[in-house]
Amino acid sequence: MFDEWAPGGGPGEPDARPAAVLLLFGVLDRLPSDHAAQSRAVSRDLDVLLLARAATLRAHAGQVAFPGGRIDPGDDGPIGAALREAEEETGLDPAGVDVLGTLDELPLPYSQHLVTPVIGWWRQPSPVRVVDVAESADVFRTPVADLLDPRNRRTTVLRRDGQEWRGPGFLVRGPAGEHLVWGFTAMVLDVLFDRLGWTEPWDDSRELDLAP
C-alpha cells in the first residue's frame, strides 16, 4: 500500500533522510466520541494526538500529521527525535509519555524521508497548543472511535501528471474546524487499525478528490 501511494518516487532512495513521528495515544481530556467502536479495546475516550501543518510550508502544506520530523545528530535515535519534535511542535511534556515501541521504517518519497513511527502512551497528559504558527495551524486530540467510524472514512484520490493514486482518508475535527487526514498519516493509521483488528467495515467507494 505504501508503495502505491508515493507521488514523487519509491522506497529505498539512497538520499532519503531519517525521520520519526510520534503516534501518541491517551485518554481524551474533553467530550468522548459519540461512536461506539466495534472493538472492545477501543473506548470512547481513547484518543490520538494530531496536528495540521501550516498552509505556507513548502512540503505537505496544510496536511494533518503526527508530531515529528528529521532525526538530528544529537537525538537518541528515532525515539529521541519523535519526543523532541513533539515537544517543539505541540508543547507537550515528554516526561509524561511512555514509549511502547517502534514500527518498521516507512518511505515518504515526496519529501525524501525514511520515517520511523514511534508508538507512545500518554501516561500523564500535558496541555498542547500551536507553538509556532509558521509550522502548525492546529494541534488537537481526536477520538480513535471517530477515526474508526465508517461515516468518517473516505477513499482519497490524487491525480497528477497523468497518474492516479488512491489511499485511505479520515474526516476529523479540531479546534480550528474540520480536517481531512490523508496520505502518509492516513496510511499509517489505516494499517495500524487493521493490524490491531480495530477496523470497521466502511464504504470505500465514497471517494474524495484531492487538489493536485
N, C-alpha and C. Protein backbone atom coordinates (compact mmCIF):
# COMPACT_ATOMS: atom_id res chain seq x y z
N MET A 1 0.82 -1.20 0.00
CA MET A 1 0.00 0.00 0.00
C MET A 1 0.86 1.26 0.00
N PHE A 2 1.93 1.27 0.81
CA PHE A 2 2.77 2.46 0.87
C PHE A 2 3.47 2.72 -0.45
N ASP A 3 3.80 1.64 -1.18
CA ASP A 3 4.41 1.82 -2.49
C ASP A 3 3.44 2.47 -3.46
N GLU A 4 2.15 2.12 -3.34
CA GLU A 4 1.16 2.62 -4.28
C GLU A 4 0.90 4.11 -4.06
N TRP A 5 0.93 4.56 -2.81
CA TRP A 5 0.65 5.97 -2.51
C TRP A 5 1.98 6.68 -2.28
N ALA A 6 2.70 6.90 -3.36
CA ALA A 6 4.02 7.50 -3.21
C ALA A 6 4.31 8.47 -4.34
N PRO A 7 3.50 9.56 -4.48
CA PRO A 7 3.77 10.53 -5.53
C PRO A 7 5.18 11.08 -5.41
N GLY A 8 5.95 10.94 -6.47
CA GLY A 8 7.28 11.53 -6.48
C GLY A 8 8.41 10.54 -6.32
N GLY A 9 8.11 9.27 -6.22
CA GLY A 9 9.21 8.32 -6.10
C GLY A 9 8.80 7.05 -5.40
N GLY A 10 9.78 6.23 -5.07
CA GLY A 10 9.51 4.96 -4.41
C GLY A 10 10.44 4.78 -3.24
N PRO A 11 10.26 3.71 -2.48
CA PRO A 11 11.07 3.48 -1.30
C PRO A 11 12.50 3.13 -1.66
N GLY A 12 13.38 3.29 -0.68
CA GLY A 12 14.75 2.85 -0.87
C GLY A 12 15.64 3.84 -1.60
N GLU A 13 15.22 5.11 -1.72
CA GLU A 13 16.06 6.09 -2.38
C GLU A 13 17.31 6.34 -1.54
N PRO A 14 18.49 6.35 -2.16
CA PRO A 14 19.74 6.43 -1.40
C PRO A 14 19.90 7.71 -0.60
N ASP A 15 19.25 8.80 -1.02
CA ASP A 15 19.41 10.06 -0.31
C ASP A 15 18.27 10.34 0.65
N ALA A 16 17.46 9.33 0.96
CA ALA A 16 16.37 9.51 1.91
C ALA A 16 16.93 9.85 3.29
N ARG A 17 16.32 10.85 3.93
CA ARG A 17 16.80 11.31 5.24
C ARG A 17 15.98 10.67 6.35
N PRO A 18 16.62 10.23 7.43
CA PRO A 18 15.89 9.58 8.52
C PRO A 18 15.02 10.57 9.29
N ALA A 19 13.82 10.14 9.63
CA ALA A 19 12.88 10.97 10.39
C ALA A 19 12.07 10.07 11.31
N ALA A 20 11.32 10.68 12.20
CA ALA A 20 10.49 9.92 13.13
C ALA A 20 9.23 10.70 13.44
N VAL A 21 8.14 9.99 13.68
CA VAL A 21 6.88 10.61 14.10
C VAL A 21 6.40 9.92 15.37
N LEU A 22 5.60 10.64 16.15
CA LEU A 22 5.08 10.10 17.41
C LEU A 22 3.59 9.82 17.28
N LEU A 23 3.21 8.55 17.39
CA LEU A 23 1.81 8.15 17.45
C LEU A 23 1.46 8.06 18.93
N LEU A 24 0.91 9.13 19.47
CA LEU A 24 0.69 9.24 20.91
C LEU A 24 -0.79 9.02 21.24
N PHE A 25 -1.06 7.93 21.94
CA PHE A 25 -2.42 7.60 22.36
C PHE A 25 -2.59 7.94 23.83
N GLY A 26 -3.81 8.30 24.20
CA GLY A 26 -4.09 8.63 25.59
C GLY A 26 -5.57 8.59 25.88
N VAL A 27 -5.95 9.15 27.02
CA VAL A 27 -7.35 9.23 27.41
C VAL A 27 -7.81 10.66 27.19
N LEU A 28 -8.83 10.82 26.39
CA LEU A 28 -9.31 12.13 25.94
C LEU A 28 -9.61 13.05 27.12
N ASP A 29 -9.24 14.32 26.98
CA ASP A 29 -9.45 15.28 28.06
C ASP A 29 -10.69 16.14 27.85
N ARG A 30 -11.52 15.78 26.87
CA ARG A 30 -12.75 16.54 26.64
C ARG A 30 -13.85 15.55 26.31
N LEU A 31 -14.87 15.97 25.53
CA LEU A 31 -16.00 15.10 25.25
C LEU A 31 -15.56 13.85 24.49
N PRO A 32 -15.99 12.67 24.92
CA PRO A 32 -15.62 11.45 24.21
C PRO A 32 -16.38 11.32 22.91
N SER A 33 -16.02 10.32 22.12
CA SER A 33 -16.70 10.07 20.85
C SER A 33 -18.14 9.65 21.09
N ASP A 34 -19.02 10.01 20.15
CA ASP A 34 -20.40 9.53 20.23
C ASP A 34 -20.58 8.23 19.45
N HIS A 35 -19.46 7.69 18.95
CA HIS A 35 -19.49 6.43 18.20
C HIS A 35 -18.94 5.31 19.07
N ALA A 36 -19.72 4.26 19.22
CA ALA A 36 -19.27 3.09 19.97
C ALA A 36 -18.52 2.17 19.03
N ALA A 37 -17.20 2.09 19.18
CA ALA A 37 -16.39 1.25 18.29
C ALA A 37 -16.74 -0.22 18.48
N GLN A 38 -16.61 -0.99 17.41
CA GLN A 38 -16.93 -2.41 17.48
C GLN A 38 -15.93 -3.16 18.34
N SER A 39 -14.66 -2.74 18.31
CA SER A 39 -13.63 -3.40 19.10
C SER A 39 -13.75 -3.01 20.57
N ARG A 40 -13.75 -3.98 21.45
CA ARG A 40 -13.82 -3.71 22.88
C ARG A 40 -12.57 -3.01 23.39
N ALA A 41 -11.49 -3.08 22.62
CA ALA A 41 -10.23 -2.44 23.03
C ALA A 41 -10.27 -0.93 22.85
N VAL A 42 -11.26 -0.43 22.10
CA VAL A 42 -11.34 1.00 21.80
C VAL A 42 -12.46 1.63 22.61
N SER A 43 -12.10 2.32 23.67
CA SER A 43 -13.10 3.02 24.48
C SER A 43 -13.46 4.34 23.81
N ARG A 44 -14.55 4.93 24.24
CA ARG A 44 -14.99 6.19 23.64
C ARG A 44 -14.01 7.34 23.92
N ASP A 45 -13.19 7.20 24.97
CA ASP A 45 -12.28 8.29 25.31
C ASP A 45 -10.82 8.01 24.93
N LEU A 46 -10.56 6.94 24.17
CA LEU A 46 -9.21 6.71 23.65
C LEU A 46 -8.95 7.70 22.52
N ASP A 47 -7.82 8.39 22.56
CA ASP A 47 -7.56 9.38 21.52
C ASP A 47 -6.12 9.30 21.02
N VAL A 48 -5.85 10.08 19.96
CA VAL A 48 -4.51 10.16 19.39
C VAL A 48 -4.22 11.62 19.08
N LEU A 49 -2.96 12.03 19.25
CA LEU A 49 -2.56 13.42 19.05
C LEU A 49 -2.21 13.66 17.58
N LEU A 50 -2.80 14.71 17.01
CA LEU A 50 -2.54 15.08 15.62
C LEU A 50 -2.30 16.59 15.54
N LEU A 51 -1.74 17.01 14.41
CA LEU A 51 -1.60 18.44 14.15
C LEU A 51 -1.85 18.70 12.67
N ALA A 52 -2.27 19.92 12.37
CA ALA A 52 -2.43 20.36 10.98
C ALA A 52 -1.28 21.29 10.64
N ARG A 53 -0.55 20.96 9.60
CA ARG A 53 0.60 21.76 9.21
C ARG A 53 0.16 23.08 8.60
N ALA A 54 0.97 24.10 8.75
CA ALA A 54 0.66 25.42 8.22
C ALA A 54 0.54 25.37 6.70
N ALA A 55 -0.37 26.16 6.17
CA ALA A 55 -0.62 26.17 4.72
C ALA A 55 0.53 26.79 3.94
N THR A 56 1.44 27.47 4.62
CA THR A 56 2.54 28.17 3.94
C THR A 56 3.80 27.32 3.83
N LEU A 57 3.81 26.12 4.40
CA LEU A 57 5.00 25.28 4.33
C LEU A 57 5.24 24.78 2.91
N ARG A 58 6.49 24.53 2.58
CA ARG A 58 6.82 24.05 1.23
C ARG A 58 6.45 22.59 1.03
N ALA A 59 6.59 21.78 2.07
CA ALA A 59 6.30 20.35 1.96
C ALA A 59 5.10 19.98 2.82
N HIS A 60 4.17 19.24 2.24
CA HIS A 60 3.00 18.74 2.96
C HIS A 60 2.20 19.87 3.60
N ALA A 61 2.10 21.00 2.92
CA ALA A 61 1.39 22.17 3.46
C ALA A 61 -0.08 21.83 3.72
N GLY A 62 -0.57 22.24 4.88
CA GLY A 62 -1.97 22.07 5.23
C GLY A 62 -2.39 20.67 5.61
N GLN A 63 -1.50 19.71 5.52
CA GLN A 63 -1.88 18.33 5.80
C GLN A 63 -1.89 18.04 7.30
N VAL A 64 -2.75 17.10 7.68
CA VAL A 64 -2.78 16.62 9.06
C VAL A 64 -1.67 15.59 9.22
N ALA A 65 -0.95 15.65 10.33
CA ALA A 65 0.21 14.79 10.53
C ALA A 65 0.35 14.43 12.00
N PHE A 66 1.19 13.44 12.24
CA PHE A 66 1.64 13.18 13.60
C PHE A 66 2.77 14.16 13.92
N PRO A 67 2.96 14.52 15.18
CA PRO A 67 4.15 15.31 15.51
C PRO A 67 5.41 14.53 15.13
N GLY A 68 6.40 15.24 14.63
CA GLY A 68 7.63 14.55 14.25
C GLY A 68 8.46 15.36 13.29
N GLY A 69 9.59 14.80 12.89
CA GLY A 69 10.49 15.48 11.97
C GLY A 69 11.78 14.71 11.79
N ARG A 70 12.78 15.38 11.27
CA ARG A 70 14.06 14.72 10.99
C ARG A 70 14.78 14.31 12.28
N ILE A 71 15.55 13.25 12.16
CA ILE A 71 16.39 12.81 13.27
C ILE A 71 17.71 13.58 13.21
N ASP A 72 17.96 14.38 14.23
CA ASP A 72 19.19 15.17 14.30
C ASP A 72 20.33 14.36 14.90
N PRO A 73 21.58 14.75 14.62
CA PRO A 73 22.73 14.02 15.16
C PRO A 73 22.71 13.90 16.69
N GLY A 74 22.16 14.89 17.38
CA GLY A 74 22.16 14.85 18.83
C GLY A 74 21.01 14.07 19.44
N ASP A 75 20.10 13.56 18.61
CA ASP A 75 18.94 12.82 19.11
C ASP A 75 19.34 11.41 19.52
N ASP A 76 18.62 10.87 20.48
CA ASP A 76 18.80 9.48 20.88
C ASP A 76 17.95 8.60 19.97
N GLY A 77 18.34 8.54 18.69
CA GLY A 77 17.64 7.72 17.71
C GLY A 77 16.24 8.23 17.41
N PRO A 78 15.42 7.39 16.76
CA PRO A 78 14.06 7.79 16.38
C PRO A 78 13.20 8.19 17.58
N ILE A 79 13.34 7.49 18.70
CA ILE A 79 12.52 7.80 19.87
C ILE A 79 12.85 9.19 20.40
N GLY A 80 14.14 9.49 20.52
CA GLY A 80 14.53 10.81 20.98
C GLY A 80 14.06 11.91 20.05
N ALA A 81 14.15 11.66 18.74
CA ALA A 81 13.73 12.66 17.76
C ALA A 81 12.22 12.88 17.82
N ALA A 82 11.45 11.80 17.92
CA ALA A 82 10.00 11.92 17.95
C ALA A 82 9.54 12.70 19.18
N LEU A 83 10.13 12.43 20.33
CA LEU A 83 9.76 13.15 21.55
C LEU A 83 10.18 14.61 21.48
N ARG A 84 11.37 14.86 20.97
CA ARG A 84 11.85 16.25 20.85
C ARG A 84 10.95 17.06 19.93
N GLU A 85 10.66 16.50 18.75
CA GLU A 85 9.83 17.20 17.78
C GLU A 85 8.42 17.43 18.33
N ALA A 86 7.88 16.44 19.04
CA ALA A 86 6.54 16.59 19.60
C ALA A 86 6.51 17.72 20.62
N GLU A 87 7.56 17.82 21.43
CA GLU A 87 7.63 18.91 22.40
C GLU A 87 7.73 20.26 21.69
N GLU A 88 8.56 20.33 20.65
CA GLU A 88 8.75 21.58 19.93
C GLU A 88 7.49 22.01 19.18
N GLU A 89 6.74 21.05 18.65
CA GLU A 89 5.58 21.37 17.81
C GLU A 89 4.29 21.56 18.60
N THR A 90 4.15 20.86 19.73
CA THR A 90 2.88 20.89 20.46
C THR A 90 3.00 21.37 21.89
N GLY A 91 4.21 21.48 22.41
CA GLY A 91 4.40 21.92 23.78
C GLY A 91 4.19 20.84 24.83
N LEU A 92 4.00 19.59 24.41
CA LEU A 92 3.78 18.53 25.40
C LEU A 92 5.03 18.27 26.23
N ASP A 93 4.84 17.69 27.41
CA ASP A 93 5.95 17.32 28.28
C ASP A 93 6.32 15.87 28.02
N PRO A 94 7.50 15.60 27.44
CA PRO A 94 7.89 14.22 27.12
C PRO A 94 7.97 13.32 28.35
N ALA A 95 8.15 13.91 29.53
CA ALA A 95 8.26 13.10 30.75
C ALA A 95 6.97 12.33 31.03
N GLY A 96 5.86 12.79 30.48
CA GLY A 96 4.59 12.12 30.70
C GLY A 96 4.25 11.06 29.67
N VAL A 97 5.20 10.77 28.77
CA VAL A 97 4.97 9.82 27.68
C VAL A 97 5.73 8.52 27.95
N ASP A 98 5.03 7.41 27.89
CA ASP A 98 5.67 6.10 27.95
C ASP A 98 5.79 5.56 26.53
N VAL A 99 7.01 5.32 26.07
CA VAL A 99 7.23 4.78 24.73
C VAL A 99 6.99 3.28 24.75
N LEU A 100 6.10 2.81 23.87
CA LEU A 100 5.74 1.40 23.82
C LEU A 100 6.56 0.63 22.80
N GLY A 101 7.12 1.34 21.82
CA GLY A 101 7.91 0.67 20.80
C GLY A 101 7.90 1.44 19.50
N THR A 102 8.45 0.85 18.46
CA THR A 102 8.51 1.48 17.14
C THR A 102 7.99 0.52 16.08
N LEU A 103 7.54 1.09 14.96
CA LEU A 103 7.17 0.30 13.80
C LEU A 103 8.33 0.32 12.81
N ASP A 104 8.25 -0.50 11.78
CA ASP A 104 9.29 -0.52 10.75
C ASP A 104 9.37 0.83 10.04
N GLU A 105 10.55 1.17 9.56
CA GLU A 105 10.73 2.40 8.78
C GLU A 105 9.82 2.38 7.55
N LEU A 106 9.27 3.54 7.24
CA LEU A 106 8.37 3.68 6.10
C LEU A 106 8.85 4.80 5.19
N PRO A 107 8.80 4.62 3.87
CA PRO A 107 9.28 5.65 2.95
C PRO A 107 8.27 6.77 2.78
N LEU A 108 8.78 7.98 2.71
CA LEU A 108 7.98 9.15 2.36
C LEU A 108 8.69 9.85 1.21
N PRO A 109 8.55 9.28 0.00
CA PRO A 109 9.37 9.73 -1.13
C PRO A 109 9.16 11.19 -1.53
N TYR A 110 7.95 11.71 -1.34
CA TYR A 110 7.67 13.08 -1.79
C TYR A 110 8.65 14.08 -1.18
N SER A 111 8.97 13.87 0.10
CA SER A 111 9.94 14.76 0.76
C SER A 111 11.25 14.05 1.05
N GLN A 112 11.43 12.87 0.47
CA GLN A 112 12.68 12.10 0.58
C GLN A 112 13.07 11.83 2.03
N HIS A 113 12.13 11.22 2.77
CA HIS A 113 12.40 10.83 4.14
C HIS A 113 12.11 9.35 4.33
N LEU A 114 12.80 8.75 5.27
CA LEU A 114 12.53 7.39 5.71
C LEU A 114 12.10 7.51 7.17
N VAL A 115 10.83 7.23 7.42
CA VAL A 115 10.20 7.61 8.69
C VAL A 115 10.00 6.40 9.61
N THR A 116 10.40 6.55 10.87
CA THR A 116 10.15 5.54 11.89
C THR A 116 8.99 5.99 12.78
N PRO A 117 7.85 5.30 12.75
CA PRO A 117 6.76 5.64 13.67
C PRO A 117 7.07 5.13 15.08
N VAL A 118 6.94 6.00 16.05
CA VAL A 118 7.16 5.67 17.46
C VAL A 118 5.80 5.65 18.16
N ILE A 119 5.48 4.54 18.82
CA ILE A 119 4.19 4.41 19.50
C ILE A 119 4.36 4.79 20.96
N GLY A 120 3.49 5.69 21.45
CA GLY A 120 3.58 6.12 22.83
C GLY A 120 2.23 6.13 23.52
N TRP A 121 2.27 6.01 24.85
CA TRP A 121 1.07 6.12 25.68
C TRP A 121 1.23 7.35 26.57
N TRP A 122 0.21 8.21 26.56
CA TRP A 122 0.25 9.46 27.30
C TRP A 122 -0.16 9.19 28.75
N ARG A 123 0.79 8.71 29.53
CA ARG A 123 0.53 8.35 30.92
C ARG A 123 0.11 9.57 31.75
N GLN A 124 0.76 10.68 31.51
CA GLN A 124 0.45 11.92 32.24
C GLN A 124 0.30 13.05 31.23
N PRO A 125 -0.91 13.24 30.69
CA PRO A 125 -1.11 14.25 29.65
C PRO A 125 -0.77 15.66 30.14
N SER A 126 -0.27 16.46 29.23
CA SER A 126 0.04 17.86 29.48
C SER A 126 -0.65 18.69 28.41
N PRO A 127 -0.85 19.98 28.66
CA PRO A 127 -1.52 20.82 27.66
C PRO A 127 -0.74 20.87 26.35
N VAL A 128 -1.46 20.92 25.24
CA VAL A 128 -0.84 21.06 23.92
C VAL A 128 -1.44 22.26 23.21
N ARG A 129 -0.69 22.81 22.28
CA ARG A 129 -1.12 24.02 21.59
C ARG A 129 -0.28 24.19 20.33
N VAL A 130 -0.67 25.14 19.50
CA VAL A 130 0.18 25.54 18.37
C VAL A 130 1.33 26.37 18.93
N VAL A 131 2.53 25.85 18.84
CA VAL A 131 3.70 26.55 19.38
C VAL A 131 4.21 27.59 18.40
N ASP A 132 4.23 27.25 17.11
CA ASP A 132 4.76 28.14 16.08
C ASP A 132 3.77 28.17 14.92
N VAL A 133 3.11 29.31 14.70
CA VAL A 133 2.10 29.40 13.65
C VAL A 133 2.71 29.26 12.26
N ALA A 134 4.01 29.44 12.15
CA ALA A 134 4.67 29.24 10.86
C ALA A 134 4.80 27.76 10.52
N GLU A 135 4.66 26.90 11.53
CA GLU A 135 4.80 25.46 11.34
C GLU A 135 3.45 24.73 11.39
N SER A 136 2.57 25.14 12.29
CA SER A 136 1.32 24.41 12.51
C SER A 136 0.14 25.37 12.54
N ALA A 137 -1.01 24.89 12.05
CA ALA A 137 -2.25 25.66 12.08
C ALA A 137 -3.19 25.18 13.17
N ASP A 138 -3.01 23.95 13.63
CA ASP A 138 -3.91 23.37 14.62
C ASP A 138 -3.21 22.20 15.30
N VAL A 139 -3.45 22.03 16.57
CA VAL A 139 -2.97 20.88 17.34
C VAL A 139 -4.16 20.35 18.12
N PHE A 140 -4.43 19.06 18.02
CA PHE A 140 -5.65 18.55 18.65
C PHE A 140 -5.54 17.06 18.94
N ARG A 141 -6.37 16.62 19.87
CA ARG A 141 -6.51 15.21 20.21
C ARG A 141 -7.84 14.74 19.65
N THR A 142 -7.82 13.69 18.87
CA THR A 142 -9.06 13.22 18.25
C THR A 142 -9.38 11.81 18.72
N PRO A 143 -10.66 11.51 19.01
CA PRO A 143 -11.03 10.17 19.46
C PRO A 143 -10.73 9.12 18.39
N VAL A 144 -10.13 8.02 18.80
CA VAL A 144 -9.87 6.92 17.87
C VAL A 144 -11.19 6.38 17.32
N ALA A 145 -12.22 6.35 18.16
CA ALA A 145 -13.52 5.85 17.71
C ALA A 145 -14.08 6.68 16.56
N ASP A 146 -13.78 7.99 16.55
CA ASP A 146 -14.22 8.83 15.44
C ASP A 146 -13.48 8.46 14.16
N LEU A 147 -12.20 8.13 14.28
CA LEU A 147 -11.44 7.71 13.10
C LEU A 147 -11.97 6.39 12.55
N LEU A 148 -12.41 5.51 13.44
CA LEU A 148 -12.93 4.20 13.02
C LEU A 148 -14.35 4.28 12.50
N ASP A 149 -15.07 5.33 12.83
CA ASP A 149 -16.47 5.49 12.44
C ASP A 149 -16.59 5.44 10.91
N PRO A 150 -17.33 4.48 10.36
CA PRO A 150 -17.46 4.38 8.89
C PRO A 150 -17.95 5.66 8.25
N ARG A 151 -18.70 6.48 8.97
CA ARG A 151 -19.20 7.73 8.41
C ARG A 151 -18.07 8.71 8.12
N ASN A 152 -16.93 8.53 8.78
CA ASN A 152 -15.81 9.45 8.60
C ASN A 152 -14.72 8.92 7.69
N ARG A 153 -14.96 7.77 7.07
CA ARG A 153 -13.96 7.17 6.19
C ARG A 153 -14.20 7.57 4.74
N ARG A 154 -13.12 7.78 4.01
CA ARG A 154 -13.18 8.10 2.59
C ARG A 154 -12.01 7.43 1.87
N THR A 155 -12.16 7.25 0.55
CA THR A 155 -11.03 6.90 -0.31
C THR A 155 -10.58 8.19 -0.97
N THR A 156 -9.36 8.61 -0.71
CA THR A 156 -8.86 9.84 -1.31
C THR A 156 -8.18 9.53 -2.64
N VAL A 157 -8.37 10.41 -3.60
CA VAL A 157 -7.85 10.20 -4.95
C VAL A 157 -7.05 11.43 -5.36
N LEU A 158 -5.80 11.21 -5.72
CA LEU A 158 -4.93 12.29 -6.18
C LEU A 158 -4.52 12.01 -7.61
N ARG A 159 -4.80 12.94 -8.50
CA ARG A 159 -4.41 12.82 -9.91
C ARG A 159 -3.38 13.90 -10.22
N ARG A 160 -2.24 13.45 -10.74
CA ARG A 160 -1.15 14.40 -11.01
C ARG A 160 -0.29 13.85 -12.14
N ASP A 161 -0.02 14.70 -13.13
CA ASP A 161 0.88 14.35 -14.24
C ASP A 161 0.46 13.05 -14.92
N GLY A 162 -0.83 12.87 -15.11
CA GLY A 162 -1.33 11.69 -15.81
C GLY A 162 -1.36 10.43 -14.97
N GLN A 163 -1.01 10.53 -13.70
CA GLN A 163 -1.04 9.37 -12.81
C GLN A 163 -2.12 9.55 -11.75
N GLU A 164 -2.51 8.44 -11.16
CA GLU A 164 -3.56 8.47 -10.14
C GLU A 164 -3.14 7.63 -8.93
N TRP A 165 -3.30 8.20 -7.75
CA TRP A 165 -3.01 7.48 -6.51
C TRP A 165 -4.26 7.47 -5.64
N ARG A 166 -4.51 6.32 -5.04
CA ARG A 166 -5.67 6.17 -4.14
C ARG A 166 -5.18 5.73 -2.77
N GLY A 167 -5.82 6.23 -1.75
CA GLY A 167 -5.44 5.87 -0.39
C GLY A 167 -6.57 6.14 0.58
N PRO A 168 -6.39 5.74 1.83
CA PRO A 168 -7.42 5.95 2.83
C PRO A 168 -7.50 7.41 3.27
N GLY A 169 -8.65 7.79 3.78
CA GLY A 169 -8.84 9.13 4.32
C GLY A 169 -9.76 9.09 5.52
N PHE A 170 -9.58 10.05 6.43
CA PHE A 170 -10.40 10.16 7.63
C PHE A 170 -10.82 11.62 7.80
N LEU A 171 -12.08 11.86 8.10
CA LEU A 171 -12.55 13.20 8.42
C LEU A 171 -12.55 13.37 9.94
N VAL A 172 -11.90 14.41 10.43
CA VAL A 172 -11.80 14.66 11.87
C VAL A 172 -12.05 16.14 12.14
N ARG A 173 -12.29 16.45 13.42
CA ARG A 173 -12.49 17.84 13.81
C ARG A 173 -11.47 18.23 14.86
N GLY A 174 -10.95 19.45 14.71
CA GLY A 174 -10.05 20.03 15.69
C GLY A 174 -10.58 21.39 16.11
N PRO A 175 -9.90 22.09 16.99
CA PRO A 175 -10.35 23.42 17.41
C PRO A 175 -10.53 24.39 16.26
N ALA A 176 -9.73 24.23 15.20
CA ALA A 176 -9.80 25.14 14.06
C ALA A 176 -10.82 24.70 13.01
N GLY A 177 -11.52 23.59 13.25
CA GLY A 177 -12.53 23.13 12.30
C GLY A 177 -12.28 21.72 11.81
N GLU A 178 -12.93 21.38 10.69
CA GLU A 178 -12.82 20.02 10.16
C GLU A 178 -11.54 19.86 9.34
N HIS A 179 -10.93 18.68 9.45
CA HIS A 179 -9.72 18.36 8.71
C HIS A 179 -9.89 17.02 8.00
N LEU A 180 -9.15 16.86 6.92
CA LEU A 180 -9.06 15.58 6.23
C LEU A 180 -7.68 14.99 6.49
N VAL A 181 -7.65 13.78 7.04
CA VAL A 181 -6.39 13.07 7.22
C VAL A 181 -6.20 12.18 6.00
N TRP A 182 -5.10 12.37 5.28
CA TRP A 182 -4.86 11.57 4.09
C TRP A 182 -3.35 11.36 3.94
N GLY A 183 -2.95 10.69 2.86
CA GLY A 183 -1.54 10.49 2.59
C GLY A 183 -0.86 9.60 3.62
N PHE A 184 0.37 9.93 3.96
CA PHE A 184 1.19 9.10 4.85
C PHE A 184 0.51 8.85 6.19
N THR A 185 0.01 9.91 6.82
CA THR A 185 -0.60 9.78 8.14
C THR A 185 -1.81 8.85 8.11
N ALA A 186 -2.66 9.02 7.10
CA ALA A 186 -3.84 8.16 6.98
C ALA A 186 -3.44 6.71 6.73
N MET A 187 -2.39 6.49 5.95
CA MET A 187 -1.97 5.11 5.68
C MET A 187 -1.44 4.44 6.94
N VAL A 188 -0.68 5.18 7.74
CA VAL A 188 -0.17 4.60 8.99
C VAL A 188 -1.33 4.21 9.90
N LEU A 189 -2.31 5.11 10.04
CA LEU A 189 -3.47 4.80 10.88
C LEU A 189 -4.24 3.62 10.32
N ASP A 190 -4.44 3.61 9.02
CA ASP A 190 -5.21 2.54 8.37
C ASP A 190 -4.56 1.18 8.60
N VAL A 191 -3.25 1.10 8.38
CA VAL A 191 -2.53 -0.17 8.56
C VAL A 191 -2.51 -0.57 10.03
N LEU A 192 -2.28 0.39 10.92
CA LEU A 192 -2.24 0.09 12.34
C LEU A 192 -3.59 -0.44 12.83
N PHE A 193 -4.67 0.21 12.41
CA PHE A 193 -6.00 -0.24 12.82
C PHE A 193 -6.28 -1.64 12.30
N ASP A 194 -5.85 -1.92 11.06
CA ASP A 194 -6.05 -3.26 10.50
C ASP A 194 -5.30 -4.30 11.33
N ARG A 195 -4.05 -4.01 11.65
CA ARG A 195 -3.22 -4.98 12.38
C ARG A 195 -3.74 -5.22 13.79
N LEU A 196 -4.34 -4.20 14.39
CA LEU A 196 -4.89 -4.33 15.74
C LEU A 196 -6.28 -4.95 15.75
N GLY A 197 -6.86 -5.11 14.56
CA GLY A 197 -8.20 -5.67 14.47
C GLY A 197 -9.29 -4.68 14.84
N TRP A 198 -8.98 -3.38 14.71
CA TRP A 198 -9.94 -2.35 15.08
C TRP A 198 -10.78 -1.85 13.91
N THR A 199 -10.36 -2.06 12.69
CA THR A 199 -11.04 -1.51 11.52
C THR A 199 -12.47 -2.01 11.44
N GLU A 200 -13.39 -1.08 11.14
CA GLU A 200 -14.79 -1.41 10.95
C GLU A 200 -15.13 -1.35 9.46
N PRO A 201 -16.05 -2.18 8.99
CA PRO A 201 -16.42 -2.14 7.57
C PRO A 201 -16.88 -0.74 7.17
N TRP A 202 -16.37 -0.28 6.03
CA TRP A 202 -16.77 1.04 5.55
C TRP A 202 -16.85 1.01 4.03
N ASP A 203 -17.51 1.99 3.48
CA ASP A 203 -17.77 2.06 2.04
C ASP A 203 -16.60 2.75 1.34
N ASP A 204 -15.69 1.95 0.75
CA ASP A 204 -14.52 2.55 0.10
C ASP A 204 -14.84 3.14 -1.26
N SER A 205 -16.11 3.06 -1.69
CA SER A 205 -16.50 3.71 -2.94
C SER A 205 -16.79 5.20 -2.73
N ARG A 206 -16.81 5.64 -1.49
CA ARG A 206 -17.01 7.06 -1.20
C ARG A 206 -15.67 7.77 -1.40
N GLU A 207 -15.52 8.36 -2.58
CA GLU A 207 -14.24 8.95 -2.97
C GLU A 207 -14.22 10.46 -2.75
N LEU A 208 -13.03 10.94 -2.48
CA LEU A 208 -12.82 12.37 -2.30
C LEU A 208 -11.61 12.77 -3.12
N ASP A 209 -11.83 13.61 -4.13
CA ASP A 209 -10.74 14.06 -4.99
C ASP A 209 -9.90 15.13 -4.29
N LEU A 210 -8.59 15.01 -4.41
CA LEU A 210 -7.67 15.96 -3.81
C LEU A 210 -7.14 16.91 -4.87
N ALA A 211 -6.89 18.14 -4.47
CA ALA A 211 -6.31 19.10 -5.40
C ALA A 211 -4.87 18.69 -5.70
N PRO A 212 -4.47 18.69 -6.98
CA PRO A 212 -3.09 18.29 -7.32
C PRO A 212 -2.07 19.30 -6.82
